[in-house]
Amino acid sequence: MTETDTAHKREHLLEAINEASSNVRNAYLTFLLAGLYFAILIGSTTDEQLLRESGVTLPLLSIDLPIIGFYVVAPPLFLLLHLNMLLMFSLLADKLSPLRDSLADLPPLERNHWMFRVATFPFTQLWLRDTKVGGTHFFLQLFVWLSIAILPPVVLQWALLRFLCYQDDAITFLHQMLLIADIVLLVGFWSKVVPNGSITQARPVLSYSLKGIAGVVVVVTFFASVPRGGFRTAFRRLAGCR
């Protein structure tokens, strides 16, 4: 393949990536706003609201629900939004990988010329940037992984703990299954959405440690919230139950 053909191929890849990045950015903002809204509602839930079954409005759908209905519907909805984001990141990564390989052998000045034309979406920049670029690359990783790998299980676990006050074993079991499913999704998509050369790829010990911590959180939460579990009282106090 001639240099001209390679440049044309790179141009087409860049156009496809910028278009895909724009679509994923919109879904990403929706996901973050939904997560923030869910977290605010969970954090503001009181024992009185659970007792009175006060109404709340679901984001995106603008549906009024009793607060118990919110704790039944919102966690599965948030899990689906997280799955959607992981799928979209995975598909975007499939487009980013060939362009990254194509740019790797270019001289620094020419590589920078192409990078200036790449969409500023954090995930796209994280995949294509040189990992030797210090602070910027680190904060890109921190922002992306906090929002995609940390926020979802934290929100789901928070919903589980807060709803313990209502003492409904069936709904608590649903929350447990959703939390475990979310961790399984993260582990399954991890190698697809984590770019080669990132901290967790370059240091396998860190990657395994994160997965181990996630596993411990799931196990402890599960056994701490089952009916008559040994840590049930402690977790209800942690959740602020009276």
Protein backbone atom coordinates (compact mmCIF):
# COMPACT_ATOMS: atom_id res chain seq x y z
CA MET A 1 0.00 0.00 0.00
CA THR A 2 1.39 3.40 -1.04
CA GLU A 3 1.81 6.31 1.33
CA THR A 4 -1.08 8.11 -0.39
CA ASP A 5 -3.40 5.11 0.10
CA THR A 6 -2.38 4.92 3.74
CA ALA A 7 -3.15 8.62 4.22
CA HIS A 8 -6.59 8.19 2.61
CA LYS A 9 -7.33 5.21 4.84
CA ARG A 10 -6.23 7.21 7.88
CA GLU A 11 -8.46 10.08 6.77
CA HIS A 12 -11.51 7.82 6.53
CA LEU A 13 -10.73 6.34 9.95
CA LEU A 14 -10.46 9.80 11.45
CA GLU A 15 -13.82 10.88 10.02
CA ALA A 16 -15.51 7.72 11.30
CA ILE A 17 -13.94 8.13 14.74
CA ASN A 18 -14.94 11.79 15.08
CA GLU A 19 -18.53 10.98 14.10
CA ALA A 20 -18.67 8.00 16.48
CA SER A 21 -17.09 10.05 19.28
CA SER A 22 -19.80 12.68 18.92
CA ASN A 23 -22.55 10.05 19.25
CA VAL A 24 -20.88 8.36 22.21
CA ARG A 25 -20.33 11.74 23.91
CA ASN A 26 -24.08 12.41 23.88
CA ALA A 27 -24.85 9.00 25.38
CA TYR A 28 -22.04 9.50 27.91
CA LEU A 29 -23.46 12.82 29.13
CA THR A 30 -26.90 11.24 29.48
CA PHE A 31 -25.36 8.41 31.48
CA LEU A 32 -23.51 10.79 33.80
CA LEU A 33 -26.59 12.95 34.37
CA ALA A 34 -28.72 9.88 35.11
CA GLY A 35 -26.09 8.59 37.55
CA LEU A 36 -25.90 11.98 39.27
CA TYR A 37 -29.69 12.21 39.52
CA PHE A 38 -29.98 8.67 40.91
CA ALA A 39 -27.23 9.38 43.43
CA ILE A 40 -28.95 12.61 44.58
CA LEU A 41 -32.29 10.82 45.04
CA ILE A 42 -30.65 7.95 46.92
CA GLY A 43 -28.69 10.33 49.12
CA SER A 44 -31.77 12.40 49.92
CA THR A 45 -33.99 9.41 50.74
CA THR A 46 -35.20 9.46 54.33
CA ASP A 47 -36.86 6.83 56.50
CA GLU A 48 -40.03 8.95 56.44
CA GLN A 49 -40.11 8.92 52.63
CA LEU A 50 -39.78 5.14 52.60
CA LEU A 51 -42.54 4.85 55.19
CA ARG A 52 -44.90 7.23 53.39
CA GLU A 53 -43.84 5.97 49.92
CA SER A 54 -43.47 9.53 48.66
CA GLY A 55 -43.37 10.12 44.91
CA VAL A 56 -40.27 10.82 42.78
CA THR A 57 -39.76 11.53 39.07
CA LEU A 58 -37.52 9.27 37.02
CA PRO A 59 -34.95 11.10 34.86
CA LEU A 60 -35.11 10.71 31.06
CA LEU A 61 -38.59 9.15 31.21
CA SER A 62 -40.31 11.88 33.27
CA ILE A 63 -42.42 9.25 35.03
CA ASP A 64 -43.76 9.82 38.55
CA LEU A 65 -43.30 6.80 40.81
CA PRO A 66 -43.67 6.02 44.51
CA ILE A 67 -40.21 5.99 46.03
CA ILE A 68 -40.43 2.21 46.45
CA GLY A 69 -41.10 1.96 42.73
CA PHE A 70 -38.04 4.12 42.13
CA TYR A 71 -35.86 1.64 44.01
CA VAL A 72 -37.33 -1.17 41.92
CA VAL A 73 -37.07 0.52 38.49
CA ALA A 74 -34.10 2.89 38.71
CA PRO A 75 -31.28 0.40 39.52
CA PRO A 76 -32.11 -1.92 36.55
CA LEU A 77 -32.45 1.14 34.31
CA PHE A 78 -29.06 2.42 35.45
CA LEU A 79 -27.51 -1.00 34.83
CA LEU A 80 -28.89 -0.95 31.27
CA LEU A 81 -27.46 2.55 30.74
CA HIS A 82 -24.09 1.30 31.99
CA LEU A 83 -24.23 -1.71 29.65
CA ASN A 84 -25.09 0.62 26.78
CA MET A 85 -22.05 2.78 27.57
CA LEU A 86 -19.73 -0.22 27.77
CA LEU A 87 -21.03 -1.46 24.41
CA MET A 88 -20.59 1.96 22.81
CA PHE A 89 -17.08 2.33 24.24
CA SER A 90 -16.22 -1.13 22.96
CA LEU A 91 -17.45 -0.31 19.44
CA LEU A 92 -15.59 3.01 19.49
CA ALA A 93 -12.43 1.23 20.64
CA ASP A 94 -12.68 -1.06 17.59
CA LYS A 95 -12.40 2.05 15.40
CA LEU A 96 -9.70 3.68 17.51
CA SER A 97 -7.31 0.73 17.55
CA PRO A 98 -6.48 0.77 13.78
CA LEU A 99 -5.92 4.54 13.82
CA ARG A 100 -3.68 4.29 16.85
CA ASP A 101 -1.59 1.62 15.12
CA SER A 102 -1.45 3.77 11.99
CA LEU A 103 -0.23 6.83 13.91
CA ALA A 104 2.33 4.95 15.99
CA ASP A 105 5.02 4.91 13.31
CA LEU A 106 4.64 8.53 12.23
CA PRO A 107 7.19 11.22 13.14
CA PRO A 108 6.13 13.27 16.19
CA LEU A 109 5.23 16.40 14.19
CA GLU A 110 3.07 14.51 11.72
CA ARG A 111 1.44 12.53 14.52
CA ASN A 112 0.60 15.77 16.34
CA HIS A 113 -0.93 17.12 13.13
CA TRP A 114 -3.37 14.20 13.08
CA MET A 115 -4.02 14.36 16.81
CA PHE A 116 -5.08 18.01 16.56
CA ARG A 117 -7.92 16.86 14.30
CA VAL A 118 -9.19 14.14 16.64
CA ALA A 119 -12.36 14.74 18.66
CA THR A 120 -11.72 16.00 22.19
CA PHE A 121 -13.93 13.33 23.76
CA PRO A 122 -11.92 12.04 26.78
CA PHE A 123 -12.18 8.34 25.89
CA THR A 124 -11.01 9.00 22.31
CA GLN A 125 -8.09 11.10 23.50
CA LEU A 126 -7.17 8.49 26.10
CA TRP A 127 -6.93 5.77 23.46
CA LEU A 128 -4.86 7.80 20.98
CA ARG A 129 -2.56 9.87 23.19
CA ASP A 130 1.01 8.88 23.86
CA THR A 131 1.10 7.25 27.31
CA LYS A 132 4.36 9.09 28.04
CA VAL A 133 2.46 12.37 28.19
CA GLY A 134 2.31 12.83 31.96
CA GLY A 135 -0.38 14.76 33.76
CA THR A 136 -2.91 15.06 30.93
CA HIS A 137 -2.93 11.31 30.25
CA PHE A 138 -3.23 10.52 33.96
CA PHE A 139 -6.24 12.80 34.46
CA LEU A 140 -7.90 11.47 31.32
CA GLN A 141 -7.60 7.97 32.76
CA LEU A 142 -8.83 9.12 36.15
CA PHE A 143 -11.88 10.84 34.68
CA VAL A 144 -12.87 7.97 32.37
CA TRP A 145 -12.35 5.13 34.86
CA LEU A 146 -14.03 6.95 37.73
CA SER A 147 -17.14 7.56 35.64
CA ILE A 148 -17.29 4.17 33.91
CA ALA A 149 -15.73 1.70 36.36
CA ILE A 150 -16.33 3.29 39.78
CA LEU A 151 -19.53 5.36 39.60
CA PRO A 152 -21.97 2.60 38.46
CA PRO A 153 -21.21 -0.03 41.13
CA VAL A 154 -21.01 2.66 43.81
CA VAL A 155 -24.48 3.99 42.88
CA LEU A 156 -25.94 0.46 42.79
CA GLN A 157 -24.35 -0.44 46.10
CA TRP A 158 -25.55 2.80 47.66
CA ALA A 159 -29.10 2.03 46.51
CA LEU A 160 -28.81 -1.43 48.07
CA LEU A 161 -27.58 -0.09 51.41
CA ARG A 162 -30.07 2.75 51.58
CA PHE A 163 -33.03 0.50 50.82
CA LEU A 164 -32.11 -1.88 53.65
CA CYS A 165 -34.14 0.41 55.90
CA TYR A 166 -37.33 -0.68 54.14
CA GLN A 167 -36.52 -4.33 54.95
CA ASP A 168 -37.95 -5.86 51.78
CA ASP A 169 -35.94 -9.02 51.13
CA ALA A 170 -37.13 -9.45 47.52
CA ILE A 171 -36.08 -5.95 46.43
CA THR A 172 -32.81 -6.23 48.35
CA PHE A 173 -32.10 -9.48 46.54
CA LEU A 174 -32.77 -7.69 43.22
CA HIS A 175 -30.25 -5.00 44.20
CA GLN A 176 -27.70 -7.68 45.06
CA MET A 177 -28.10 -9.37 41.67
CA LEU A 178 -27.83 -6.04 39.84
CA LEU A 179 -24.62 -5.13 41.67
CA ILE A 180 -23.05 -8.51 40.88
CA ALA A 181 -24.19 -8.25 37.24
CA ASP A 182 -22.57 -4.81 36.97
CA ILE A 183 -19.25 -6.10 38.28
CA VAL A 184 -19.43 -9.04 35.86
CA LEU A 185 -20.03 -6.61 32.98
CA LEU A 186 -17.04 -4.52 34.00
CA VAL A 187 -14.76 -7.56 34.17
CA GLY A 188 -16.07 -8.80 30.83
CA PHE A 189 -15.58 -5.51 28.99
CA TRP A 190 -12.38 -4.49 30.78
CA SER A 191 -9.94 -5.68 28.11
CA LYS A 192 -12.09 -4.12 25.36
CA VAL A 193 -12.39 -0.61 26.76
CA VAL A 194 -9.00 -0.26 28.50
CA PRO A 195 -6.46 0.94 25.90
CA ASN A 196 -3.14 -0.85 25.56
CA GLY A 197 -0.43 0.98 27.44
CA SER A 198 -2.73 2.37 30.13
CA ILE A 199 -1.84 2.01 33.78
CA THR A 200 -3.94 -1.09 34.28
CA GLN A 201 -2.58 -2.78 31.15
CA ALA A 202 1.03 -1.82 31.84
CA ARG A 203 0.79 -2.96 35.46
CA PRO A 204 -1.18 -6.23 35.66
CA VAL A 205 -0.85 -6.27 39.46
CA LEU A 206 -2.93 -3.08 39.65
CA SER A 207 -5.53 -4.50 37.28
CA TYR A 208 -5.86 -7.71 39.30
CA SER A 209 -5.99 -5.69 42.52
CA LEU A 210 -8.90 -3.61 41.23
CA LYS A 211 -10.78 -6.75 40.21
CA GLY A 212 -10.02 -8.32 43.59
CA ILE A 213 -11.31 -5.28 45.46
CA ALA A 214 -14.47 -5.32 43.35
CA GLY A 215 -14.97 -9.01 44.15
CA VAL A 216 -14.55 -8.42 47.89
CA VAL A 217 -17.06 -5.53 47.77
CA VAL A 218 -19.62 -7.74 46.04
CA VAL A 219 -19.17 -10.67 48.42
CA VAL A 220 -19.24 -8.54 51.58
CA THR A 221 -22.26 -6.56 50.40
CA PHE A 222 -24.13 -9.70 49.41
CA PHE A 223 -23.67 -11.51 52.71
CA ALA A 224 -24.11 -8.34 54.74
CA SER A 225 -27.57 -7.69 53.30
CA VAL A 226 -29.12 -11.16 53.20
CA PRO A 227 -31.92 -11.74 55.71
CA ARG A 228 -30.57 -12.35 59.21
CA GLY A 229 -27.00 -11.90 57.97
CA GLY A 230 -24.33 -11.48 60.62
CA PHE A 231 -23.47 -7.95 59.45
CA ARG A 232 -27.06 -6.92 58.67
CA THR A 233 -27.43 -4.66 61.72
CA ALA A 234 -24.09 -2.93 61.09
CA PHE A 235 -24.97 -2.25 57.47
CA ARG A 236 -28.39 -0.90 58.38
CA ARG A 237 -26.70 1.51 60.77
CA LEU A 238 -24.21 2.45 58.04
CA ALA A 239 -27.17 3.18 55.76
CA GLY A 240 -28.62 5.50 58.40
CA CYS A 241 -31.62 3.33 59.28
CA ARG A 242 -33.37 3.99 62.57
